[in-house]
């Protein structure tokens, strides 16, 4: 099982928790602290651009609420 915890280092308490986790990471191989970029990942940006282009090419797609109803019936 993997857990993801997002901590935004805006406050002293948040920075303290991040530092504590980094210290624990040195002693425990099952802890990994990864600093994520503040923006959108490049892969996500590419996927969003692709989906937007597909929408522009086929703007007659289904309304999201209608699609959710149909998927709920499956």
PDB file of N, CA and C in Angstrom:
ATOM      1  N   UNK A   1       0.843  -1.163   0.000  1.00  0.00           N
ATOM      2  CA  UNK A   1       0.000   0.000   0.000  1.00  0.00           C
ATOM      3  C   UNK A   1       0.900   1.241   0.000  1.00  0.00           C
ATOM      4  N   UNK A   2       0.502   2.227  -0.759  1.00  0.00           N
ATOM      5  CA  UNK A   2       1.255   3.472  -0.853  1.00  0.00           C
ATOM      6  C   UNK A   2       0.365   4.629  -0.425  1.00  0.00           C
ATOM      7  N   UNK A   3       0.916   5.542   0.328  1.00  0.00           N
ATOM      8  CA  UNK A   3       0.194   6.733   0.754  1.00  0.00           C
ATOM      9  C   UNK A   3       0.850   7.960   0.135  1.00  0.00           C
ATOM     10  N   UNK A   4       0.047   8.924  -0.221  1.00  0.00           N
ATOM     11  CA  UNK A   4       0.556  10.192  -0.729  1.00  0.00           C
ATOM     12  C   UNK A   4       0.066  11.288   0.205  1.00  0.00           C
ATOM     13  N   UNK A   5       0.979  12.087   0.678  1.00  0.00           N
ATOM     14  CA  UNK A   5       0.641  13.201   1.563  1.00  0.00           C
ATOM     15  C   UNK A   5       1.158  14.468   0.911  1.00  0.00           C
ATOM     16  N   UNK A   6       0.295  15.445   0.752  1.00  0.00           N
ATOM     17  CA  UNK A   6       0.711  16.717   0.174  1.00  0.00           C
ATOM     18  C   UNK A   6       0.863  17.723   1.299  1.00  0.00           C
ATOM     19  N   UNK A   7       2.053  18.283   1.423  1.00  0.00           N
ATOM     20  CA  UNK A   7       2.319  19.317   2.421  1.00  0.00           C
ATOM     21  C   UNK A   7       2.870  20.526   1.679  1.00  0.00           C
ATOM     22  N   UNK A   8       2.176  21.625   1.799  1.00  0.00           N
ATOM     23  CA  UNK A   8       2.630  22.861   1.159  1.00  0.00           C
ATOM     24  C   UNK A   8       3.473  23.613   2.191  1.00  0.00           C
ATOM     25  N   UNK A   9       4.723  23.866   1.848  1.00  0.00           N
ATOM     26  CA  UNK A   9       5.675  24.411   2.825  1.00  0.00           C
ATOM     27  C   UNK A   9       5.574  25.921   2.989  1.00  0.00           C
ATOM     28  N   UNK A  10       4.400  26.402   3.269  1.00  0.00           N
ATOM     29  CA  UNK A  10       4.185  27.843   3.432  1.00  0.00           C
ATOM     30  C   UNK A  10       4.435  28.303   4.865  1.00  0.00           C
ATOM     31  N   UNK A  11       4.276  27.408   5.825  1.00  0.00           N
ATOM     32  CA  UNK A  11       4.400  27.809   7.225  1.00  0.00           C
ATOM     33  C   UNK A  11       5.590  27.118   7.896  1.00  0.00           C
ATOM     34  N   UNK A  12       5.934  27.596   9.079  1.00  0.00           N
ATOM     35  CA  UNK A  12       7.032  26.989   9.838  1.00  0.00           C
ATOM     36  C   UNK A  12       6.688  25.563  10.249  1.00  0.00           C
ATOM     37  N   UNK A  13       5.424  25.327  10.627  1.00  0.00           N
ATOM     38  CA  UNK A  13       5.011  23.977  11.029  1.00  0.00           C
ATOM     39  C   UNK A  13       5.129  23.008   9.858  1.00  0.00           C
ATOM     40  N   UNK A  14       4.706  23.447   8.675  1.00  0.00           N
ATOM     41  CA  UNK A  14       4.787  22.586   7.493  1.00  0.00           C
ATOM     42  C   UNK A  14       6.243  22.249   7.181  1.00  0.00           C
ATOM     43  N   UNK A  15       7.116  23.255   7.230  1.00  0.00           N
ATOM     44  CA  UNK A  15       8.537  23.025   6.964  1.00  0.00           C
ATOM     45  C   UNK A  15       9.133  22.082   8.004  1.00  0.00           C
ATOM     46  N   UNK A  16       8.676  22.208   9.251  1.00  0.00           N
ATOM     47  CA  UNK A  16       9.158  21.338  10.313  1.00  0.00           C
ATOM     48  C   UNK A  16       8.773  19.880  10.040  1.00  0.00           C
ATOM     49  N   UNK A  17       7.539  19.667   9.595  1.00  0.00           N
ATOM     50  CA  UNK A  17       7.085  18.307   9.292  1.00  0.00           C
ATOM     51  C   UNK A  17       7.858  17.743   8.110  1.00  0.00           C
ATOM     52  N   UNK A  18       8.089  18.560   7.109  1.00  0.00           N
ATOM     53  CA  UNK A  18       8.855  18.109   5.940  1.00  0.00           C
ATOM     54  C   UNK A  18      10.267  17.710   6.358  1.00  0.00           C
ATOM     55  N   UNK A  19      10.899  18.521   7.177  1.00  0.00           N
ATOM     56  CA  UNK A  19      12.250  18.203   7.649  1.00  0.00           C
ATOM     57  C   UNK A  19      12.265  16.929   8.479  1.00  0.00           C
ATOM     58  N   UNK A  20      11.228  16.737   9.299  1.00  0.00           N
ATOM     59  CA  UNK A  20      11.138  15.519  10.098  1.00  0.00           C
ATOM     60  C   UNK A  20      11.023  14.293   9.191  1.00  0.00           C
ATOM     61  N   UNK A  21      10.188  14.391   8.160  1.00  0.00           N
ATOM     62  CA  UNK A  21      10.032  13.275   7.226  1.00  0.00           C
ATOM     63  C   UNK A  21      11.325  13.002   6.462  1.00  0.00           C
ATOM     64  N   UNK A  22      12.046  14.053   6.106  1.00  0.00           N
ATOM     65  CA  UNK A  22      13.337  13.866   5.421  1.00  0.00           C
ATOM     66  C   UNK A  22      14.333  13.155   6.323  1.00  0.00           C
ATOM     67  N   UNK A  23      14.305  13.477   7.609  1.00  0.00           N
ATOM     68  CA  UNK A  23      15.188  12.809   8.563  1.00  0.00           C
ATOM     69  C   UNK A  23      14.805  11.338   8.696  1.00  0.00           C
ATOM     70  N   UNK A  24      13.506  11.072   8.779  1.00  0.00           N
ATOM     71  CA  UNK A  24      13.050   9.676   8.855  1.00  0.00           C
ATOM     72  C   UNK A  24      13.400   8.909   7.588  1.00  0.00           C
ATOM     73  N   UNK A  25      13.374   9.595   6.467  1.00  0.00           N
ATOM     74  CA  UNK A  25      13.701   8.968   5.183  1.00  0.00           C
ATOM     75  C   UNK A  25      15.115   8.401   5.191  1.00  0.00           C
ATOM     76  N   UNK A  26      16.023   9.056   5.912  1.00  0.00           N
ATOM     77  CA  UNK A  26      17.412   8.584   5.978  1.00  0.00           C
ATOM     78  C   UNK A  26      17.519   7.245   6.702  1.00  0.00           C
ATOM     79  N   UNK A  27      16.621   7.007   7.657  1.00  0.00           N
ATOM     80  CA  UNK A  27      16.689   5.797   8.478  1.00  0.00           C
ATOM     81  C   UNK A  27      15.774   4.666   8.009  1.00  0.00           C
ATOM     82  N   UNK A  28      14.741   5.020   7.254  1.00  0.00           N
ATOM     83  CA  UNK A  28      13.754   4.018   6.855  1.00  0.00           C
ATOM     84  C   UNK A  28      13.630   3.990   5.337  1.00  0.00           C
ATOM     85  N   UNK A  29      13.866   2.823   4.761  1.00  0.00           N
ATOM     86  CA  UNK A  29      13.851   2.725   3.296  1.00  0.00           C
ATOM     87  C   UNK A  29      12.442   2.724   2.705  1.00  0.00           C
ATOM     88  N   UNK A  30      11.414   2.633   3.546  1.00  0.00           N
ATOM     89  CA  UNK A  30      10.046   2.652   3.030  1.00  0.00           C
ATOM     90  C   UNK A  30       9.456   4.066   2.971  1.00  0.00           C
ATOM     91  N   UNK A  31      10.245   5.067   3.359  1.00  0.00           N
ATOM     92  CA  UNK A  31       9.798   6.461   3.283  1.00  0.00           C
ATOM     93  C   UNK A  31      10.561   7.154   2.165  1.00  0.00           C
ATOM     94  N   UNK A  32       9.820   7.842   1.320  1.00  0.00           N
ATOM     95  CA  UNK A  32      10.429   8.594   0.227  1.00  0.00           C
ATOM     96  C   UNK A  32       9.767   9.968   0.168  1.00  0.00           C
ATOM     97  N   UNK A  33      10.568  11.007   0.289  1.00  0.00           N
ATOM     98  CA  UNK A  33      10.071  12.382   0.217  1.00  0.00           C
ATOM     99  C   UNK A  33      10.440  12.932  -1.156  1.00  0.00           C
ATOM    100  N   UNK A  34       9.421  13.345  -1.899  1.00  0.00           N
ATOM    101  CA  UNK A  34       9.635  13.860  -3.250  1.00  0.00           C
ATOM    102  C   UNK A  34       9.050  15.258  -3.339  1.00  0.00           C
ATOM    103  N   UNK A  35       9.867  16.203  -3.738  1.00  0.00           N
ATOM    104  CA  UNK A  35       9.366  17.561  -3.937  1.00  0.00           C
ATOM    105  C   UNK A  35       8.767  17.647  -5.334  1.00  0.00           C
ATOM    106  N   UNK A  36       7.490  17.967  -5.390  1.00  0.00           N
ATOM    107  CA  UNK A  36       6.794  18.057  -6.664  1.00  0.00           C
ATOM    108  C   UNK A  36       6.846  19.494  -7.184  1.00  0.00           C
ATOM    109  N   UNK A  37       6.809  19.648  -8.487  1.00  0.00           N
ATOM    110  CA  UNK A  37       6.776  21.001  -9.039  1.00  0.00           C
ATOM    111  C   UNK A  37       5.470  21.690  -8.651  1.00  0.00           C
ATOM    112  N   UNK A  38       5.500  22.992  -8.545  1.00  0.00           N
ATOM    113  CA  UNK A  38       4.307  23.721  -8.129  1.00  0.00           C
ATOM    114  C   UNK A  38       3.270  23.817  -9.238  1.00  0.00           C
ATOM    115  N   UNK A  39       3.692  23.628 -10.476  1.00  0.00           N
ATOM    116  CA  UNK A  39       2.754  23.692 -11.589  1.00  0.00           C
ATOM    117  C   UNK A  39       2.281  22.313 -11.997  1.00  0.00           C
ATOM    118  N   UNK A  40       1.806  22.215 -13.194  1.00  0.00           N
ATOM    119  CA  UNK A  40       1.323  20.952 -13.744  1.00  0.00           C
ATOM    120  C   UNK A  40       2.504  20.184 -14.332  1.00  0.00           C
ATOM    121  N   UNK A  41       2.506  18.866 -14.108  1.00  0.00           N
ATOM    122  CA  UNK A  41       3.553  18.040 -14.698  1.00  0.00           C
ATOM    123  C   UNK A  41       3.509  18.157 -16.219  1.00  0.00           C
ATOM    124  N   UNK A  42       4.662  18.101 -16.880  1.00  0.00           N
ATOM    125  CA  UNK A  42       4.679  18.187 -18.344  1.00  0.00           C
ATOM    126  C   UNK A  42       3.802  17.127 -19.011  1.00  0.00           C
ATOM    127  N   UNK A  43       3.791  15.907 -18.465  1.00  0.00           N
ATOM    128  CA  UNK A  43       2.973  14.838 -19.041  1.00  0.00           C
ATOM    129  C   UNK A  43       1.483  15.185 -18.929  1.00  0.00           C
ATOM    130  N   UNK A  44       1.108  15.766 -17.807  1.00  0.00           N
ATOM    131  CA  UNK A  44      -0.290  16.163 -17.610  1.00  0.00           C
ATOM    132  C   UNK A  44      -0.657  17.282 -18.563  1.00  0.00           C
ATOM    133  N   UNK A  45       0.247  18.231 -18.735  1.00  0.00           N
ATOM    134  CA  UNK A  45       0.014  19.347 -19.661  1.00  0.00           C
ATOM    135  C   UNK A  45      -0.188  18.824 -21.082  1.00  0.00           C
ATOM    136  N   UNK A  46       0.642  17.864 -21.493  1.00  0.00           N
ATOM    137  CA  UNK A  46       0.512  17.279 -22.832  1.00  0.00           C
ATOM    138  C   UNK A  46      -0.830  16.572 -22.993  1.00  0.00           C
ATOM    139  N   UNK A  47      -1.238  15.819 -21.972  1.00  0.00           N
ATOM    140  CA  UNK A  47      -2.507  15.110 -22.030  1.00  0.00           C
ATOM    141  C   UNK A  47      -3.673  16.096 -22.102  1.00  0.00           C
ATOM    142  N   UNK A  48      -3.622  17.157 -21.318  1.00  0.00           N
ATOM    143  CA  UNK A  48      -4.682  18.157 -21.356  1.00  0.00           C
ATOM    144  C   UNK A  48      -4.753  18.841 -22.720  1.00  0.00           C
ATOM    145  N   UNK A  49      -3.604  19.154 -23.298  1.00  0.00           N
ATOM    146  CA  UNK A  49      -3.577  19.775 -24.625  1.00  0.00           C
ATOM    147  C   UNK A  49      -4.177  18.830 -25.672  1.00  0.00           C
ATOM    148  N   UNK A  50      -3.836  17.542 -25.564  1.00  0.00           N
ATOM    149  CA  UNK A  50      -4.364  16.547 -26.503  1.00  0.00           C
ATOM    150  C   UNK A  50      -5.883  16.448 -26.385  1.00  0.00           C
ATOM    151  N   UNK A  51      -6.355  16.384 -25.147  1.00  0.00           N
ATOM    152  CA  UNK A  51      -7.800  16.282 -24.931  1.00  0.00           C
ATOM    153  C   UNK A  51      -8.518  17.542 -25.408  1.00  0.00           C
ATOM    154  N   UNK A  52      -7.929  18.697 -25.190  1.00  0.00           N
ATOM    155  CA  UNK A  52      -8.539  19.948 -25.643  1.00  0.00           C
ATOM    156  C   UNK A  52      -8.618  19.979 -27.168  1.00  0.00           C
ATOM    157  N   UNK A  53      -7.549  19.531 -27.837  1.00  0.00           N
ATOM    158  CA  UNK A  53      -7.552  19.483 -29.305  1.00  0.00           C
ATOM    159  C   UNK A  53      -8.638  18.526 -29.795  1.00  0.00           C
ATOM    160  N   UNK A  54      -8.763  17.369 -29.132  1.00  0.00           N
ATOM    161  CA  UNK A  54      -9.806  16.422 -29.514  1.00  0.00           C
ATOM    162  C   UNK A  54     -11.192  17.032 -29.336  1.00  0.00           C
ATOM    163  N   UNK A  55     -11.363  17.819 -28.288  1.00  0.00           N
ATOM    164  CA  UNK A  55     -12.637  18.499 -28.075  1.00  0.00           C
ATOM    165  C   UNK A  55     -12.906  19.507 -29.192  1.00  0.00           C
ATOM    166  N   UNK A  56     -11.881  20.271 -29.549  1.00  0.00           N
ATOM    167  CA  UNK A  56     -12.054  21.255 -30.618  1.00  0.00           C
ATOM    168  C   UNK A  56     -12.376  20.575 -31.943  1.00  0.00           C
ATOM    169  N   UNK A  57     -11.777  19.408 -32.172  1.00  0.00           N
ATOM    170  CA  UNK A  57     -12.038  18.659 -33.406  1.00  0.00           C
ATOM    171  C   UNK A  57     -13.428  18.022 -33.407  1.00  0.00           C
ATOM    172  N   UNK A  58     -13.960  17.732 -32.211  1.00  0.00           N
ATOM    173  CA  UNK A  58     -15.271  17.083 -32.097  1.00  0.00           C
ATOM    174  C   UNK A  58     -16.053  17.723 -30.950  1.00  0.00           C
ATOM    175  N   UNK A  59     -16.507  18.954 -31.124  1.00  0.00           N
ATOM    176  CA  UNK A  59     -17.181  19.658 -30.024  1.00  0.00           C
ATOM    177  C   UNK A  59     -18.589  19.154 -29.738  1.00  0.00           C
ATOM    178  N   UNK A  60     -19.081  18.203 -30.497  1.00  0.00           N
ATOM    179  CA  UNK A  60     -20.433  17.704 -30.281  1.00  0.00           C
ATOM    180  C   UNK A  60     -20.462  16.533 -29.311  1.00  0.00           C
ATOM    181  N   UNK A  61     -19.454  16.423 -28.458  1.00  0.00           N
ATOM    182  CA  UNK A  61     -19.409  15.344 -27.479  1.00  0.00           C
ATOM    183  C   UNK A  61     -20.557  15.452 -26.492  1.00  0.00           C
ATOM    184  N   UNK A  62     -20.656  14.480 -25.600  1.00  0.00           N
ATOM    185  CA  UNK A  62     -21.746  14.424 -24.633  1.00  0.00           C
ATOM    186  C   UNK A  62     -21.468  15.326 -23.438  1.00  0.00           C
ATOM    187  N   UNK A  63     -22.538  15.816 -22.855  1.00  0.00           N
ATOM    188  CA  UNK A  63     -22.450  16.588 -21.621  1.00  0.00           C
ATOM    189  C   UNK A  63     -21.961  15.676 -20.497  1.00  0.00           C
ATOM    190  N   UNK A  64     -21.077  16.175 -19.643  1.00  0.00           N
ATOM    191  CA  UNK A  64     -20.471  15.356 -18.601  1.00  0.00           C
ATOM    192  C   UNK A  64     -21.525  14.776 -17.657  1.00  0.00           C
ATOM    193  N   UNK A  65     -22.516  15.559 -17.262  1.00  0.00           N
ATOM    194  CA  UNK A  65     -23.548  15.053 -16.353  1.00  0.00           C
ATOM    195  C   UNK A  65     -24.345  13.928 -17.006  1.00  0.00           C
ATOM    196  N   UNK A  66     -24.638  14.051 -18.280  1.00  0.00           N
ATOM    197  CA  UNK A  66     -25.359  13.007 -19.006  1.00  0.00           C
ATOM    198  C   UNK A  66     -24.499  11.749 -19.116  1.00  0.00           C
ATOM    199  N   UNK A  67     -23.233  11.925 -19.378  1.00  0.00           N
ATOM    200  CA  UNK A  67     -22.322  10.792 -19.495  1.00  0.00           C
ATOM    201  C   UNK A  67     -22.206  10.062 -18.166  1.00  0.00           C
ATOM    202  N   UNK A  68     -22.138  10.789 -17.054  1.00  0.00           N
ATOM    203  CA  UNK A  68     -22.065  10.156 -15.723  1.00  0.00           C
ATOM    204  C   UNK A  68     -23.316   9.310 -15.471  1.00  0.00           C
ATOM    205  N   UNK A  69     -24.473   9.821 -15.867  1.00  0.00           N
ATOM    206  CA  UNK A  69     -25.720   9.052 -15.698  1.00  0.00           C
ATOM    207  C   UNK A  69     -25.658   7.755 -16.500  1.00  0.00           C
ATOM    208  N   UNK A  70     -25.193   7.838 -17.720  1.00  0.00           N
ATOM    209  CA  UNK A  70     -25.095   6.645 -18.567  1.00  0.00           C
ATOM    210  C   UNK A  70     -24.108   5.648 -17.997  1.00  0.00           C
ATOM    211  N   UNK A  71     -22.979   6.127 -17.505  1.00  0.00           N
ATOM    212  CA  UNK A  71     -21.979   5.230 -16.939  1.00  0.00           C
ATOM    213  C   UNK A  71     -22.490   4.586 -15.654  1.00  0.00           C
ATOM    214  N   UNK A  72     -23.311   5.314 -14.924  1.00  0.00           N
ATOM    215  CA  UNK A  72     -23.874   4.772 -13.692  1.00  0.00           C
ATOM    216  C   UNK A  72     -24.839   3.625 -13.929  1.00  0.00           C
ATOM    217  N   UNK A  73     -25.395   3.538 -15.123  1.00  0.00           N
ATOM    218  CA  UNK A  73     -26.346   2.480 -15.470  1.00  0.00           C
ATOM    219  C   UNK A  73     -25.646   1.196 -15.870  1.00  0.00           C
ATOM    220  N   UNK A  74     -24.344   1.242 -16.130  1.00  0.00           N
ATOM    221  CA  UNK A  74     -23.621   0.042 -16.578  1.00  0.00           C
ATOM    222  C   UNK A  74     -23.445  -0.960 -15.468  1.00  0.00           C
TER     223      UNK A  74
END
